[in-house]
């Protein structure tokens, strides 16, 4: 079991369905009161922070659909959780209150409980 920081992670490939994340996204959900997005990709769970565009400032009017659609959000990878399984089959993280715990089910038929704040199994 290991935790990878963004700088020590493997490079992402552009496989179909993976959107440059390194493979097929099996599951995704919001986490930590919508501050983080979890994505189960191949054998790890990736953690992303994100920022949505302020559409009220796009072109000075909220009724200008062209300017609203041009506005783009951003995201960045802030970490990864990798267990002993060859593939992550399911994951869950509480989003309704502040919790650092993430449950990860793997192809090895084990369920792992991760503390995402400490990066420990």
Foldseek 3Di string as FASTA:
>chain_A
DFKDFPVPDDFFDDDPCCNRVNAHFQDWDAAQQNQWIWTFGFQKIWIKGKFFDDCCPQVVHNPPVVSSVVGGIDMDTGIMAGDDARGFNDKDHDNPHGAQWMWTAHPVRDIDIARNVVNGD
